[in-house]
């Protein structure tokens, strides 16, 4: 195994974002695959990652919207957590 320079995103946590009510995804330094049935939430994880890592990008075409809150939890806080290693 070779030495790695720098940091990488090792974990993403998502609360009350679309179908991800309380999700924690461990990420690998080389590649992480999201696998699941249609409509399982894979795209929601990617969208959460995109929103969490580029919230101030002026070229962004996607911003958080109130409709992104989990169904039935519209008054709950939405949060994204990023852990670096």
PDB file of N, CA and C in Angstrom:
ATOM      1  N   UNK A   1       0.851  -1.183   0.000  1.00  0.00           N
ATOM      2  CA  UNK A   1       0.000   0.000   0.000  1.00  0.00           C
ATOM      3  C   UNK A   1       0.895   1.243   0.000  1.00  0.00           C
ATOM      4  N   UNK A   2       0.594   2.186  -0.850  1.00  0.00           N
ATOM      5  CA  UNK A   2       1.409   3.391  -0.963  1.00  0.00           C
ATOM      6  C   UNK A   2       0.975   4.453   0.042  1.00  0.00           C
ATOM      7  N   UNK A   3       1.886   5.360   0.334  1.00  0.00           N
ATOM      8  CA  UNK A   3       1.594   6.489   1.221  1.00  0.00           C
ATOM      9  C   UNK A   3       0.719   7.489   0.478  1.00  0.00           C
ATOM     10  N   UNK A   4      -0.249   8.067   1.170  1.00  0.00           N
ATOM     11  CA  UNK A   4      -1.144   9.049   0.572  1.00  0.00           C
ATOM     12  C   UNK A   4      -0.792  10.438   1.094  1.00  0.00           C
ATOM     13  N   UNK A   5      -0.842  11.386   0.209  1.00  0.00           N
ATOM     14  CA  UNK A   5      -0.613  12.777   0.601  1.00  0.00           C
ATOM     15  C   UNK A   5      -1.962  13.461   0.744  1.00  0.00           C
ATOM     16  N   UNK A   6      -2.069  14.322   1.737  1.00  0.00           N
ATOM     17  CA  UNK A   6      -3.286  15.100   1.893  1.00  0.00           C
ATOM     18  C   UNK A   6      -4.391  14.369   2.626  1.00  0.00           C
ATOM     19  N   UNK A   7      -5.559  14.973   2.599  1.00  0.00           N
ATOM     20  CA  UNK A   7      -6.712  14.433   3.303  1.00  0.00           C
ATOM     21  C   UNK A   7      -7.751  13.966   2.291  1.00  0.00           C
ATOM     22  N   UNK A   8      -8.668  13.134   2.782  1.00  0.00           N
ATOM     23  CA  UNK A   8      -9.785  12.723   1.950  1.00  0.00           C
ATOM     24  C   UNK A   8     -11.052  12.702   2.789  1.00  0.00           C
ATOM     25  N   UNK A   9     -12.170  12.813   2.124  1.00  0.00           N
ATOM     26  CA  UNK A   9     -13.467  12.760   2.780  1.00  0.00           C
ATOM     27  C   UNK A   9     -13.738  11.309   3.150  1.00  0.00           C
ATOM     28  N   UNK A  10     -13.802  11.019   4.437  1.00  0.00           N
ATOM     29  CA  UNK A  10     -13.952   9.633   4.883  1.00  0.00           C
ATOM     30  C   UNK A  10     -15.379   9.281   5.297  1.00  0.00           C
ATOM     31  N   UNK A  11     -16.199  10.273   5.614  1.00  0.00           N
ATOM     32  CA  UNK A  11     -17.567   9.980   6.048  1.00  0.00           C
ATOM     33  C   UNK A  11     -18.478  11.171   5.749  1.00  0.00           C
ATOM     34  N   UNK A  12     -19.671  10.849   5.303  1.00  0.00           N
ATOM     35  CA  UNK A  12     -20.719  11.834   5.056  1.00  0.00           C
ATOM     36  C   UNK A  12     -21.922  11.437   5.897  1.00  0.00           C
ATOM     37  N   UNK A  13     -22.431  12.361   6.695  1.00  0.00           N
ATOM     38  CA  UNK A  13     -23.653  12.111   7.445  1.00  0.00           C
ATOM     39  C   UNK A  13     -24.733  13.070   6.932  1.00  0.00           C
ATOM     40  N   UNK A  14     -25.955  12.549   6.862  1.00  0.00           N
ATOM     41  CA  UNK A  14     -27.075  13.308   6.307  1.00  0.00           C
ATOM     42  C   UNK A  14     -28.267  13.129   7.233  1.00  0.00           C
ATOM     43  N   UNK A  15     -28.902  14.232   7.593  1.00  0.00           N
ATOM     44  CA  UNK A  15     -30.114  14.169   8.409  1.00  0.00           C
ATOM     45  C   UNK A  15     -31.225  14.990   7.770  1.00  0.00           C
ATOM     46  N   UNK A  16     -32.383  14.355   7.598  1.00  0.00           N
ATOM     47  CA  UNK A  16     -33.616  15.012   7.149  1.00  0.00           C
ATOM     48  C   UNK A  16     -33.516  15.651   5.771  1.00  0.00           C
ATOM     49  N   UNK A  17     -32.725  15.044   4.894  1.00  0.00           N
ATOM     50  CA  UNK A  17     -32.619  15.517   3.511  1.00  0.00           C
ATOM     51  C   UNK A  17     -33.249  14.475   2.600  1.00  0.00           C
ATOM     52  N   UNK A  18     -34.381  14.825   2.032  1.00  0.00           N
ATOM     53  CA  UNK A  18     -35.123  13.938   1.139  1.00  0.00           C
ATOM     54  C   UNK A  18     -35.357  12.588   1.817  1.00  0.00           C
ATOM     55  N   UNK A  19     -34.939  11.486   1.183  1.00  0.00           N
ATOM     56  CA  UNK A  19     -35.162  10.158   1.771  1.00  0.00           C
ATOM     57  C   UNK A  19     -34.108   9.792   2.808  1.00  0.00           C
ATOM     58  N   UNK A  20     -33.100  10.614   2.999  1.00  0.00           N
ATOM     59  CA  UNK A  20     -32.023  10.348   3.957  1.00  0.00           C
ATOM     60  C   UNK A  20     -32.363  11.003   5.290  1.00  0.00           C
ATOM     61  N   UNK A  21     -33.103  10.287   6.109  1.00  0.00           N
ATOM     62  CA  UNK A  21     -33.516  10.861   7.391  1.00  0.00           C
ATOM     63  C   UNK A  21     -32.394  10.842   8.412  1.00  0.00           C
ATOM     64  N   UNK A  22     -31.598   9.786   8.409  1.00  0.00           N
ATOM     65  CA  UNK A  22     -30.468   9.648   9.332  1.00  0.00           C
ATOM     66  C   UNK A  22     -29.496   8.664   8.697  1.00  0.00           C
ATOM     67  N   UNK A  23     -28.628   9.169   7.834  1.00  0.00           N
ATOM     68  CA  UNK A  23     -27.727   8.308   7.076  1.00  0.00           C
ATOM     69  C   UNK A  23     -26.276   8.645   7.369  1.00  0.00           C
ATOM     70  N   UNK A  24     -25.452   7.611   7.406  1.00  0.00           N
ATOM     71  CA  UNK A  24     -24.014   7.772   7.530  1.00  0.00           C
ATOM     72  C   UNK A  24     -23.341   6.899   6.494  1.00  0.00           C
ATOM     73  N   UNK A  25     -22.522   7.495   5.652  1.00  0.00           N
ATOM     74  CA  UNK A  25     -21.867   6.767   4.567  1.00  0.00           C
ATOM     75  C   UNK A  25     -20.364   6.880   4.744  1.00  0.00           C
ATOM     76  N   UNK A  26     -19.709   5.733   4.899  1.00  0.00           N
ATOM     77  CA  UNK A  26     -18.251   5.704   4.969  1.00  0.00           C
ATOM     78  C   UNK A  26     -17.700   5.687   3.550  1.00  0.00           C
ATOM     79  N   UNK A  27     -16.712   6.533   3.296  1.00  0.00           N
ATOM     80  CA  UNK A  27     -16.126   6.664   1.971  1.00  0.00           C
ATOM     81  C   UNK A  27     -14.679   6.185   1.995  1.00  0.00           C
ATOM     82  N   UNK A  28     -14.262   5.570   0.918  1.00  0.00           N
ATOM     83  CA  UNK A  28     -12.897   5.073   0.782  1.00  0.00           C
ATOM     84  C   UNK A  28     -12.032   6.104   0.066  1.00  0.00           C
ATOM     85  N   UNK A  29     -10.722   6.081   0.289  1.00  0.00           N
ATOM     86  CA  UNK A  29      -9.862   7.083  -0.345  1.00  0.00           C
ATOM     87  C   UNK A  29      -9.753   6.931  -1.862  1.00  0.00           C
ATOM     88  N   UNK A  30      -9.915   5.715  -2.378  1.00  0.00           N
ATOM     89  CA  UNK A  30      -9.769   5.514  -3.819  1.00  0.00           C
ATOM     90  C   UNK A  30     -11.096   5.608  -4.554  1.00  0.00           C
ATOM     91  N   UNK A  31     -12.057   4.781  -4.164  1.00  0.00           N
ATOM     92  CA  UNK A  31     -13.341   4.749  -4.853  1.00  0.00           C
ATOM     93  C   UNK A  31     -14.409   4.208  -3.908  1.00  0.00           C
ATOM     94  N   UNK A  32     -15.584   4.771  -3.988  1.00  0.00           N
ATOM     95  CA  UNK A  32     -16.738   4.299  -3.222  1.00  0.00           C
ATOM     96  C   UNK A  32     -17.889   4.130  -4.201  1.00  0.00           C
ATOM     97  N   UNK A  33     -18.531   2.974  -4.157  1.00  0.00           N
ATOM     98  CA  UNK A  33     -19.671   2.705  -5.029  1.00  0.00           C
ATOM     99  C   UNK A  33     -20.953   2.760  -4.223  1.00  0.00           C
ATOM    100  N   UNK A  34     -21.955   3.419  -4.773  1.00  0.00           N
ATOM    101  CA  UNK A  34     -23.296   3.406  -4.189  1.00  0.00           C
ATOM    102  C   UNK A  34     -24.132   2.464  -5.040  1.00  0.00           C
ATOM    103  N   UNK A  35     -24.627   1.409  -4.422  1.00  0.00           N
ATOM    104  CA  UNK A  35     -25.385   0.394  -5.136  1.00  0.00           C
ATOM    105  C   UNK A  35     -26.720   0.218  -4.447  1.00  0.00           C
ATOM    106  N   UNK A  36     -27.790   0.120  -5.228  1.00  0.00           N
ATOM    107  CA  UNK A  36     -29.102  -0.100  -4.646  1.00  0.00           C
ATOM    108  C   UNK A  36     -30.181  -0.107  -5.698  1.00  0.00           C
ATOM    109  N   UNK A  37     -31.359  -0.480  -5.274  1.00  0.00           N
ATOM    110  CA  UNK A  37     -32.526  -0.508  -6.151  1.00  0.00           C
ATOM    111  C   UNK A  37     -32.855   0.901  -6.627  1.00  0.00           C
ATOM    112  N   UNK A  38     -33.646   0.980  -7.688  1.00  0.00           N
ATOM    113  CA  UNK A  38     -34.160   2.270  -8.135  1.00  0.00           C
ATOM    114  C   UNK A  38     -34.964   2.899  -7.000  1.00  0.00           C
ATOM    115  N   UNK A  39     -34.848   4.199  -6.870  1.00  0.00           N
ATOM    116  CA  UNK A  39     -35.592   4.959  -5.863  1.00  0.00           C
ATOM    117  C   UNK A  39     -35.174   4.616  -4.434  1.00  0.00           C
ATOM    118  N   UNK A  40     -33.924   4.157  -4.261  1.00  0.00           N
ATOM    119  CA  UNK A  40     -33.418   3.814  -2.925  1.00  0.00           C
ATOM    120  C   UNK A  40     -32.737   4.994  -2.242  1.00  0.00           C
ATOM    121  N   UNK A  41     -32.403   6.056  -2.990  1.00  0.00           N
ATOM    122  CA  UNK A  41     -31.780   7.237  -2.393  1.00  0.00           C
ATOM    123  C   UNK A  41     -30.352   7.495  -2.820  1.00  0.00           C
ATOM    124  N   UNK A  42     -29.835   6.752  -3.784  1.00  0.00           N
ATOM    125  CA  UNK A  42     -28.450   6.956  -4.234  1.00  0.00           C
ATOM    126  C   UNK A  42     -28.226   8.376  -4.736  1.00  0.00           C
ATOM    127  N   UNK A  43     -29.136   8.861  -5.562  1.00  0.00           N
ATOM    128  CA  UNK A  43     -29.003  10.225  -6.094  1.00  0.00           C
ATOM    129  C   UNK A  43     -29.131  11.263  -4.989  1.00  0.00           C
ATOM    130  N   UNK A  44     -29.915  10.973  -3.969  1.00  0.00           N
ATOM    131  CA  UNK A  44     -30.047  11.902  -2.841  1.00  0.00           C
ATOM    132  C   UNK A  44     -28.733  12.014  -2.074  1.00  0.00           C
ATOM    133  N   UNK A  45     -28.012  10.910  -1.946  1.00  0.00           N
ATOM    134  CA  UNK A  45     -26.697  10.943  -1.290  1.00  0.00           C
ATOM    135  C   UNK A  45     -25.741  11.806  -2.102  1.00  0.00           C
ATOM    136  N   UNK A  46     -25.716  11.626  -3.411  1.00  0.00           N
ATOM    137  CA  UNK A  46     -24.842  12.423  -4.279  1.00  0.00           C
ATOM    138  C   UNK A  46     -25.219  13.894  -4.209  1.00  0.00           C
ATOM    139  N   UNK A  47     -26.501  14.180  -4.230  1.00  0.00           N
ATOM    140  CA  UNK A  47     -26.959  15.579  -4.152  1.00  0.00           C
ATOM    141  C   UNK A  47     -26.577  16.204  -2.811  1.00  0.00           C
ATOM    142  N   UNK A  48     -26.700  15.454  -1.730  1.00  0.00           N
ATOM    143  CA  UNK A  48     -26.294  15.955  -0.412  1.00  0.00           C
ATOM    144  C   UNK A  48     -24.795  16.232  -0.385  1.00  0.00           C
ATOM    145  N   UNK A  49     -24.018  15.346  -0.955  1.00  0.00           N
ATOM    146  CA  UNK A  49     -22.570  15.544  -1.019  1.00  0.00           C
ATOM    147  C   UNK A  49     -22.242  16.791  -1.814  1.00  0.00           C
ATOM    148  N   UNK A  50     -22.926  16.983  -2.913  1.00  0.00           N
ATOM    149  CA  UNK A  50     -22.701  18.176  -3.732  1.00  0.00           C
ATOM    150  C   UNK A  50     -23.069  19.451  -2.984  1.00  0.00           C
ATOM    151  N   UNK A  51     -24.207  19.447  -2.314  1.00  0.00           N
ATOM    152  CA  UNK A  51     -24.619  20.630  -1.552  1.00  0.00           C
ATOM    153  C   UNK A  51     -23.679  20.901  -0.377  1.00  0.00           C
ATOM    154  N   UNK A  52     -23.194  19.837   0.264  1.00  0.00           N
ATOM    155  CA  UNK A  52     -22.330  20.000   1.436  1.00  0.00           C
ATOM    156  C   UNK A  52     -20.930  20.493   1.069  1.00  0.00           C
ATOM    157  N   UNK A  53     -20.469  20.196  -0.130  1.00  0.00           N
ATOM    158  CA  UNK A  53     -19.092  20.547  -0.482  1.00  0.00           C
ATOM    159  C   UNK A  53     -18.960  21.794  -1.346  1.00  0.00           C
ATOM    160  N   UNK A  54     -20.053  22.275  -1.917  1.00  0.00           N
ATOM    161  CA  UNK A  54     -19.955  23.476  -2.762  1.00  0.00           C
ATOM    162  C   UNK A  54     -21.082  24.463  -2.484  1.00  0.00           C
ATOM    163  N   UNK A  55     -21.370  24.756  -1.211  1.00  0.00           N
ATOM    164  CA  UNK A  55     -22.520  25.626  -0.939  1.00  0.00           C
ATOM    165  C   UNK A  55     -22.338  27.071  -1.379  1.00  0.00           C
ATOM    166  N   UNK A  56     -21.112  27.509  -1.556  1.00  0.00           N
ATOM    167  CA  UNK A  56     -20.892  28.907  -1.911  1.00  0.00           C
ATOM    168  C   UNK A  56     -20.387  29.082  -3.336  1.00  0.00           C
ATOM    169  N   UNK A  57     -20.464  28.036  -4.131  1.00  0.00           N
ATOM    170  CA  UNK A  57     -20.007  28.102  -5.507  1.00  0.00           C
ATOM    171  C   UNK A  57     -20.978  28.967  -6.320  1.00  0.00           C
ATOM    172  N   UNK A  58     -20.531  30.107  -6.816  1.00  0.00           N
ATOM    173  CA  UNK A  58     -21.434  30.995  -7.555  1.00  0.00           C
ATOM    174  C   UNK A  58     -21.901  30.392  -8.882  1.00  0.00           C
ATOM    175  N   UNK A  59     -21.213  29.367  -9.389  1.00  0.00           N
ATOM    176  CA  UNK A  59     -21.605  28.735 -10.647  1.00  0.00           C
ATOM    177  C   UNK A  59     -22.579  27.585 -10.419  1.00  0.00           C
ATOM    178  N   UNK A  60     -22.912  27.322  -9.178  1.00  0.00           N
ATOM    179  CA  UNK A  60     -23.802  26.210  -8.875  1.00  0.00           C
ATOM    180  C   UNK A  60     -25.167  26.416  -9.511  1.00  0.00           C
ATOM    181  N   UNK A  61     -25.711  25.339 -10.050  1.00  0.00           N
ATOM    182  CA  UNK A  61     -27.048  25.404 -10.622  1.00  0.00           C
ATOM    183  C   UNK A  61     -28.067  24.781  -9.684  1.00  0.00           C
ATOM    184  N   UNK A  62     -27.610  24.296  -8.533  1.00  0.00           N
ATOM    185  CA  UNK A  62     -28.485  23.603  -7.595  1.00  0.00           C
ATOM    186  C   UNK A  62     -28.287  24.183  -6.206  1.00  0.00           C
ATOM    187  N   UNK A  63     -29.363  24.629  -5.602  1.00  0.00           N
ATOM    188  CA  UNK A  63     -29.329  25.171  -4.253  1.00  0.00           C
ATOM    189  C   UNK A  63     -30.330  24.416  -3.402  1.00  0.00           C
ATOM    190  N   UNK A  64     -30.161  24.459  -2.100  1.00  0.00           N
ATOM    191  CA  UNK A  64     -31.097  23.804  -1.191  1.00  0.00           C
ATOM    192  C   UNK A  64     -32.458  24.472  -1.316  1.00  0.00           C
ATOM    193  N   UNK A  65     -33.500  23.665  -1.328  1.00  0.00           N
ATOM    194  CA  UNK A  65     -34.863  24.155  -1.422  1.00  0.00           C
ATOM    195  C   UNK A  65     -35.664  23.551  -0.272  1.00  0.00           C
ATOM    196  N   UNK A  66     -36.670  24.250   0.188  1.00  0.00           N
ATOM    197  CA  UNK A  66     -37.496  23.744   1.291  1.00  0.00           C
ATOM    198  C   UNK A  66     -38.096  22.375   0.974  1.00  0.00           C
ATOM    199  N   UNK A  67     -38.347  22.090  -0.281  1.00  0.00           N
ATOM    200  CA  UNK A  67     -38.916  20.790  -0.667  1.00  0.00           C
ATOM    201  C   UNK A  67     -37.912  19.647  -0.503  1.00  0.00           C
ATOM    202  N   UNK A  68     -36.641  19.965  -0.226  1.00  0.00           N
ATOM    203  CA  UNK A  68     -35.621  18.940  -0.003  1.00  0.00           C
ATOM    204  C   UNK A  68     -35.705  18.320   1.394  1.00  0.00           C
ATOM    205  N   UNK A  69     -36.501  18.906   2.275  1.00  0.00           N
ATOM    206  CA  UNK A  69     -36.650  18.340   3.621  1.00  0.00           C
ATOM    207  C   UNK A  69     -37.359  16.995   3.543  1.00  0.00           C
ATOM    208  N   UNK A  70     -36.991  16.065   4.427  1.00  0.00           N
ATOM    209  CA  UNK A  70     -37.621  14.746   4.461  1.00  0.00           C
ATOM    210  C   UNK A  70     -39.121  14.866   4.666  1.00  0.00           C
ATOM    211  N   UNK A  71     -39.872  14.059   3.923  1.00  0.00           N
ATOM    212  CA  UNK A  71     -41.328  14.052   4.039  1.00  0.00           C
ATOM    213  C   UNK A  71     -41.737  13.692   5.469  1.00  0.00           C
ATOM    214  N   UNK A  72     -42.608  14.483   6.041  1.00  0.00           N
ATOM    215  CA  UNK A  72     -43.042  14.257   7.418  1.00  0.00           C
ATOM    216  C   UNK A  72     -42.143  14.907   8.449  1.00  0.00           C
ATOM    217  N   UNK A  73     -41.039  15.477   8.012  1.00  0.00           N
ATOM    218  CA  UNK A  73     -40.104  16.154   8.922  1.00  0.00           C
ATOM    219  C   UNK A  73     -39.778  17.550   8.403  1.00  0.00           C
ATOM    220  N   UNK A  74     -40.753  18.174   7.809  1.00  0.00           N
ATOM    221  CA  UNK A  74     -40.529  19.483   7.190  1.00  0.00           C
ATOM    222  C   UNK A  74     -40.095  20.564   8.167  1.00  0.00           C
ATOM    223  N   UNK A  75     -40.340  20.367   9.459  1.00  0.00           N
ATOM    224  CA  UNK A  75     -39.951  21.372  10.460  1.00  0.00           C
ATOM    225  C   UNK A  75     -38.656  21.005  11.181  1.00  0.00           C
ATOM    226  N   UNK A  76     -38.038  19.886  10.786  1.00  0.00           N
ATOM    227  CA  UNK A  76     -36.778  19.450  11.387  1.00  0.00           C
ATOM    228  C   UNK A  76     -35.599  20.110  10.664  1.00  0.00           C
ATOM    229  N   UNK A  77     -34.494  20.200  11.357  1.00  0.00           N
ATOM    230  CA  UNK A  77     -33.271  20.758  10.787  1.00  0.00           C
ATOM    231  C   UNK A  77     -32.665  19.759   9.808  1.00  0.00           C
ATOM    232  N   UNK A  78     -32.220  20.248   8.673  1.00  0.00           N
ATOM    233  CA  UNK A  78     -31.464  19.436   7.708  1.00  0.00           C
ATOM    234  C   UNK A  78     -29.990  19.685   7.986  1.00  0.00           C
ATOM    235  N   UNK A  79     -29.219  18.604   8.068  1.00  0.00           N
ATOM    236  CA  UNK A  79     -27.786  18.808   8.293  1.00  0.00           C
ATOM    237  C   UNK A  79     -26.955  17.806   7.508  1.00  0.00           C
ATOM    238  N   UNK A  80     -25.773  18.263   7.131  1.00  0.00           N
ATOM    239  CA  UNK A  80     -24.777  17.451   6.451  1.00  0.00           C
ATOM    240  C   UNK A  80     -23.514  17.504   7.286  1.00  0.00           C
ATOM    241  N   UNK A  81     -22.879  16.385   7.481  1.00  0.00           N
ATOM    242  CA  UNK A  81     -21.623  16.347   8.211  1.00  0.00           C
ATOM    243  C   UNK A  81     -20.535  15.724   7.356  1.00  0.00           C
ATOM    244  N   UNK A  82     -19.360  16.309   7.372  1.00  0.00           N
ATOM    245  CA  UNK A  82     -18.228  15.803   6.605  1.00  0.00           C
ATOM    246  C   UNK A  82     -17.085  15.492   7.558  1.00  0.00           C
ATOM    247  N   UNK A  83     -16.515  14.304   7.432  1.00  0.00           N
ATOM    248  CA  UNK A  83     -15.345  13.930   8.222  1.00  0.00           C
ATOM    249  C   UNK A  83     -14.173  13.712   7.267  1.00  0.00           C
ATOM    250  N   UNK A  84     -13.059  14.321   7.611  1.00  0.00           N
ATOM    251  CA  UNK A  84     -11.840  14.179   6.800  1.00  0.00           C
ATOM    252  C   UNK A  84     -10.836  13.317   7.537  1.00  0.00           C
ATOM    253  N   UNK A  85     -10.051  12.584   6.760  1.00  0.00           N
ATOM    254  CA  UNK A  85      -8.971  11.778   7.343  1.00  0.00           C
ATOM    255  C   UNK A  85      -7.688  12.084   6.639  1.00  0.00           C
TER     256      UNK A  85
END
